[in-house]
């Protein structure tokens, strides 16, 4: 699925599900769920986020399956982003 990612800093990023209505500075990427339910992608106890070096591909895997051998050569773990639908939700969260 196509998504958009906006990285605020090293520990905080926002994942926009609606790429058409994402923050304009967010970069478009491909998101793959590998053995996890969509409803669990923000749960750091259940999932690990992996990214390739240029942040154009994200893969979410079960945390119990994580080990260096499961990572493809160009993947590394990243902090779990905050999932938002669109720019309106992003701005609401910033205002809180």
N, C-alpha and C. Protein backbone atom coordinates (compact mmCIF):
# COMPACT_ATOMS: atom_id res chain seq x y z
N UNK A 1 0.84 -1.17 0.00
CA UNK A 1 0.00 0.00 0.00
C UNK A 1 0.89 1.23 0.00
N UNK A 2 0.47 2.25 -0.72
CA UNK A 2 1.21 3.51 -0.76
C UNK A 2 0.83 4.34 0.46
N UNK A 3 1.82 4.90 1.11
CA UNK A 3 1.65 5.76 2.27
C UNK A 3 2.59 6.95 2.12
N UNK A 4 2.48 7.90 3.03
CA UNK A 4 3.41 9.03 3.05
C UNK A 4 3.99 9.14 4.46
N UNK A 5 5.26 9.47 4.57
CA UNK A 5 5.93 9.56 5.87
C UNK A 5 6.53 10.94 6.03
N UNK A 6 6.30 11.51 7.20
CA UNK A 6 6.90 12.79 7.56
C UNK A 6 7.71 12.55 8.83
N UNK A 7 9.02 12.73 8.74
CA UNK A 7 9.90 12.52 9.89
C UNK A 7 10.10 13.86 10.59
N UNK A 8 9.66 13.92 11.84
CA UNK A 8 9.81 15.15 12.64
C UNK A 8 11.23 15.23 13.22
N UNK A 9 11.67 14.13 13.78
CA UNK A 9 13.03 14.04 14.32
C UNK A 9 13.38 12.56 14.42
N UNK A 10 14.49 12.25 15.02
CA UNK A 10 14.99 10.88 15.07
C UNK A 10 14.02 9.91 15.74
N UNK A 11 13.18 10.39 16.66
CA UNK A 11 12.28 9.52 17.40
C UNK A 11 10.81 9.69 17.07
N UNK A 12 10.46 10.62 16.17
CA UNK A 12 9.06 10.88 15.89
C UNK A 12 8.82 11.06 14.40
N UNK A 13 7.89 10.26 13.90
CA UNK A 13 7.48 10.36 12.50
C UNK A 13 5.98 10.13 12.42
N UNK A 14 5.37 10.64 11.36
CA UNK A 14 3.95 10.46 11.11
C UNK A 14 3.77 9.72 9.80
N UNK A 15 2.92 8.70 9.81
CA UNK A 15 2.61 7.94 8.62
C UNK A 15 1.20 8.32 8.18
N UNK A 16 1.08 8.87 6.97
CA UNK A 16 -0.20 9.29 6.41
C UNK A 16 -0.75 8.18 5.54
N UNK A 17 -1.95 7.71 5.84
CA UNK A 17 -2.56 6.66 5.04
C UNK A 17 -3.12 7.18 3.73
N UNK A 18 -3.58 8.41 3.72
CA UNK A 18 -4.11 9.03 2.50
C UNK A 18 -3.01 9.90 1.89
N UNK A 19 -2.31 9.37 0.91
CA UNK A 19 -1.18 10.10 0.33
C UNK A 19 -1.62 11.36 -0.40
N UNK A 20 -2.85 11.37 -0.90
CA UNK A 20 -3.36 12.55 -1.61
C UNK A 20 -3.60 13.72 -0.67
N UNK A 21 -3.87 13.43 0.60
CA UNK A 21 -4.18 14.47 1.57
C UNK A 21 -3.13 14.52 2.69
N UNK A 22 -1.92 14.14 2.37
CA UNK A 22 -0.83 14.14 3.35
C UNK A 22 -0.19 15.52 3.42
N UNK A 23 0.56 15.74 4.48
CA UNK A 23 1.38 16.95 4.60
C UNK A 23 2.24 17.03 3.33
N UNK A 24 2.29 18.19 2.67
CA UNK A 24 3.00 18.30 1.39
C UNK A 24 4.48 17.90 1.44
N UNK A 25 5.12 18.03 2.58
CA UNK A 25 6.54 17.69 2.67
C UNK A 25 6.79 16.21 2.98
N UNK A 26 5.71 15.44 3.15
CA UNK A 26 5.86 14.00 3.44
C UNK A 26 6.28 13.26 2.17
N UNK A 27 7.14 12.27 2.35
CA UNK A 27 7.61 11.47 1.22
C UNK A 27 6.76 10.22 1.04
N UNK A 28 6.48 9.87 -0.20
CA UNK A 28 5.66 8.70 -0.50
C UNK A 28 6.53 7.44 -0.43
N UNK A 29 5.94 6.38 0.13
CA UNK A 29 6.66 5.12 0.30
C UNK A 29 5.69 3.95 0.17
N UNK A 30 6.24 2.78 0.05
CA UNK A 30 5.45 1.54 -0.02
C UNK A 30 5.50 0.88 1.36
N UNK A 31 4.32 0.52 1.89
CA UNK A 31 4.20 -0.15 3.19
C UNK A 31 3.76 -1.58 2.97
N UNK A 32 4.50 -2.52 3.58
CA UNK A 32 4.17 -3.94 3.50
C UNK A 32 4.01 -4.47 4.92
N UNK A 33 2.91 -5.19 5.14
CA UNK A 33 2.69 -5.86 6.42
C UNK A 33 3.04 -7.32 6.23
N UNK A 34 4.00 -7.79 7.00
CA UNK A 34 4.52 -9.15 6.83
C UNK A 34 4.19 -9.97 8.08
N UNK A 35 2.99 -10.55 8.09
CA UNK A 35 2.60 -11.40 9.22
C UNK A 35 2.01 -10.64 10.40
N UNK A 36 1.56 -9.41 10.18
CA UNK A 36 0.94 -8.63 11.26
C UNK A 36 -0.41 -8.09 10.78
N UNK A 37 -1.30 -7.84 11.74
CA UNK A 37 -2.58 -7.22 11.43
C UNK A 37 -2.40 -5.71 11.38
N UNK A 38 -3.15 -5.06 10.50
CA UNK A 38 -3.06 -3.61 10.37
C UNK A 38 -3.33 -2.91 11.71
N UNK A 39 -4.29 -3.42 12.48
CA UNK A 39 -4.65 -2.78 13.75
C UNK A 39 -3.52 -2.81 14.77
N UNK A 40 -2.48 -3.61 14.54
CA UNK A 40 -1.38 -3.74 15.49
C UNK A 40 -0.13 -2.95 15.10
N UNK A 41 -0.16 -2.21 13.99
CA UNK A 41 1.10 -1.62 13.50
C UNK A 41 1.67 -0.53 14.41
N UNK A 42 0.85 0.06 15.29
CA UNK A 42 1.38 1.06 16.22
C UNK A 42 1.79 0.46 17.57
N UNK A 43 1.59 -0.82 17.75
CA UNK A 43 1.90 -1.47 19.02
C UNK A 43 3.35 -1.97 19.01
N UNK A 44 4.21 -1.27 19.73
CA UNK A 44 5.64 -1.60 19.74
C UNK A 44 5.94 -2.92 20.44
N UNK A 45 4.99 -3.44 21.22
CA UNK A 45 5.18 -4.74 21.84
C UNK A 45 4.93 -5.87 20.85
N UNK A 46 4.17 -5.59 19.79
CA UNK A 46 3.81 -6.63 18.83
C UNK A 46 4.56 -6.53 17.51
N UNK A 47 5.01 -5.33 17.14
CA UNK A 47 5.59 -5.15 15.81
C UNK A 47 6.91 -4.40 15.83
N UNK A 48 7.68 -4.63 14.79
CA UNK A 48 8.93 -3.90 14.52
C UNK A 48 8.80 -3.32 13.12
N UNK A 49 9.15 -2.04 13.00
CA UNK A 49 9.16 -1.38 11.69
C UNK A 49 10.56 -1.44 11.12
N UNK A 50 10.64 -1.80 9.85
CA UNK A 50 11.91 -1.83 9.13
C UNK A 50 11.82 -0.89 7.93
N UNK A 51 12.94 -0.29 7.59
CA UNK A 51 12.97 0.61 6.44
C UNK A 51 14.23 0.38 5.63
N UNK A 52 14.11 0.64 4.33
CA UNK A 52 15.32 0.62 3.52
C UNK A 52 16.06 1.95 3.72
N UNK A 53 17.22 2.07 3.21
CA UNK A 53 18.05 3.24 3.47
C UNK A 53 17.50 4.56 2.99
N UNK A 54 16.69 4.57 1.94
CA UNK A 54 16.18 5.84 1.43
C UNK A 54 14.72 6.10 1.81
N UNK A 55 14.18 5.29 2.72
CA UNK A 55 12.82 5.48 3.26
C UNK A 55 11.74 5.48 2.19
N UNK A 56 11.90 4.67 1.16
CA UNK A 56 10.87 4.51 0.15
C UNK A 56 10.09 3.21 0.34
N UNK A 57 10.58 2.36 1.26
CA UNK A 57 9.91 1.10 1.56
C UNK A 57 9.92 0.88 3.07
N UNK A 58 8.76 0.52 3.59
CA UNK A 58 8.63 0.17 5.00
C UNK A 58 8.00 -1.21 5.09
N UNK A 59 8.50 -2.01 6.01
CA UNK A 59 7.96 -3.35 6.24
C UNK A 59 7.73 -3.49 7.72
N UNK A 60 6.56 -3.99 8.10
CA UNK A 60 6.23 -4.21 9.50
C UNK A 60 6.16 -5.71 9.74
N UNK A 61 6.92 -6.19 10.73
CA UNK A 61 6.97 -7.62 11.03
C UNK A 61 6.63 -7.83 12.51
N UNK A 62 6.26 -9.05 12.89
CA UNK A 62 6.02 -9.34 14.31
C UNK A 62 7.33 -9.18 15.09
N UNK A 63 7.25 -8.54 16.25
CA UNK A 63 8.47 -8.34 17.04
C UNK A 63 9.07 -9.66 17.50
N UNK A 64 8.24 -10.67 17.70
CA UNK A 64 8.77 -11.97 18.13
C UNK A 64 9.63 -12.62 17.04
N UNK A 65 9.44 -12.21 15.80
CA UNK A 65 10.21 -12.77 14.69
C UNK A 65 11.46 -11.97 14.36
N UNK A 66 11.67 -10.86 15.07
CA UNK A 66 12.77 -9.98 14.70
C UNK A 66 14.12 -10.54 15.11
N UNK A 67 14.99 -10.59 14.17
CA UNK A 67 16.41 -10.86 14.41
C UNK A 67 17.14 -10.38 13.17
N UNK A 68 18.40 -10.17 13.27
CA UNK A 68 19.16 -9.62 12.14
C UNK A 68 19.07 -10.50 10.90
N UNK A 69 18.90 -11.80 11.08
CA UNK A 69 18.83 -12.68 9.93
C UNK A 69 17.57 -12.45 9.10
N UNK A 70 16.49 -11.95 9.73
CA UNK A 70 15.24 -11.71 9.01
C UNK A 70 15.25 -10.41 8.24
N UNK A 71 16.16 -9.52 8.54
CA UNK A 71 16.23 -8.24 7.84
C UNK A 71 16.94 -8.42 6.51
N UNK A 72 16.35 -7.83 5.49
CA UNK A 72 17.03 -7.85 4.21
C UNK A 72 18.23 -6.91 4.31
N UNK A 73 19.16 -7.00 3.39
CA UNK A 73 20.40 -6.24 3.48
C UNK A 73 20.19 -4.75 3.63
N UNK A 74 19.18 -4.21 2.97
CA UNK A 74 19.00 -2.76 3.00
C UNK A 74 18.01 -2.30 4.05
N UNK A 75 17.59 -3.18 4.96
CA UNK A 75 16.60 -2.81 5.97
C UNK A 75 17.24 -2.59 7.34
N UNK A 76 16.67 -1.63 8.07
CA UNK A 76 17.09 -1.43 9.45
C UNK A 76 15.86 -1.04 10.27
N UNK A 77 15.84 -1.36 11.57
CA UNK A 77 14.69 -1.01 12.40
C UNK A 77 14.58 0.50 12.57
N UNK A 78 13.34 0.98 12.61
CA UNK A 78 13.09 2.40 12.83
C UNK A 78 12.04 2.54 13.93
N UNK A 79 11.96 3.70 14.59
CA UNK A 79 10.91 3.90 15.59
C UNK A 79 9.53 3.82 14.94
N UNK A 80 8.58 3.29 15.67
CA UNK A 80 7.21 3.17 15.19
C UNK A 80 6.60 4.55 14.98
N UNK A 81 6.11 4.85 13.78
CA UNK A 81 5.52 6.17 13.54
C UNK A 81 4.10 6.26 14.10
N UNK A 82 3.62 7.49 14.22
CA UNK A 82 2.24 7.75 14.59
C UNK A 82 1.44 7.66 13.29
N UNK A 83 0.39 6.85 13.28
CA UNK A 83 -0.41 6.67 12.09
C UNK A 83 -1.57 7.66 12.09
N UNK A 84 -1.67 8.43 11.02
CA UNK A 84 -2.78 9.38 10.85
C UNK A 84 -3.40 9.17 9.47
N UNK A 85 -4.65 9.57 9.33
CA UNK A 85 -5.31 9.40 8.05
C UNK A 85 -4.85 10.44 7.03
N UNK A 86 -4.82 11.71 7.45
CA UNK A 86 -4.53 12.78 6.49
C UNK A 86 -3.96 13.99 7.23
N UNK A 87 -3.76 15.07 6.49
CA UNK A 87 -3.16 16.28 7.05
C UNK A 87 -4.05 16.90 8.13
N UNK A 88 -5.37 16.79 7.98
CA UNK A 88 -6.28 17.34 9.00
C UNK A 88 -6.07 16.67 10.36
N UNK A 89 -5.97 15.35 10.34
CA UNK A 89 -5.73 14.63 11.61
C UNK A 89 -4.36 14.97 12.17
N UNK A 90 -3.37 15.09 11.30
CA UNK A 90 -2.02 15.47 11.72
C UNK A 90 -2.04 16.82 12.44
N UNK A 91 -2.71 17.81 11.85
CA UNK A 91 -2.78 19.13 12.46
C UNK A 91 -3.56 19.12 13.76
N UNK A 92 -4.61 18.30 13.86
CA UNK A 92 -5.36 18.17 15.12
C UNK A 92 -4.46 17.62 16.22
N UNK A 93 -3.68 16.60 15.89
CA UNK A 93 -2.77 16.01 16.89
C UNK A 93 -1.71 17.01 17.33
N UNK A 94 -1.21 17.81 16.42
CA UNK A 94 -0.22 18.83 16.78
C UNK A 94 -0.81 19.88 17.72
N UNK A 95 -2.09 20.18 17.56
CA UNK A 95 -2.74 21.20 18.37
C UNK A 95 -3.06 20.71 19.78
N UNK A 96 -3.07 19.41 19.99
CA UNK A 96 -3.39 18.86 21.32
C UNK A 96 -2.34 19.16 22.34
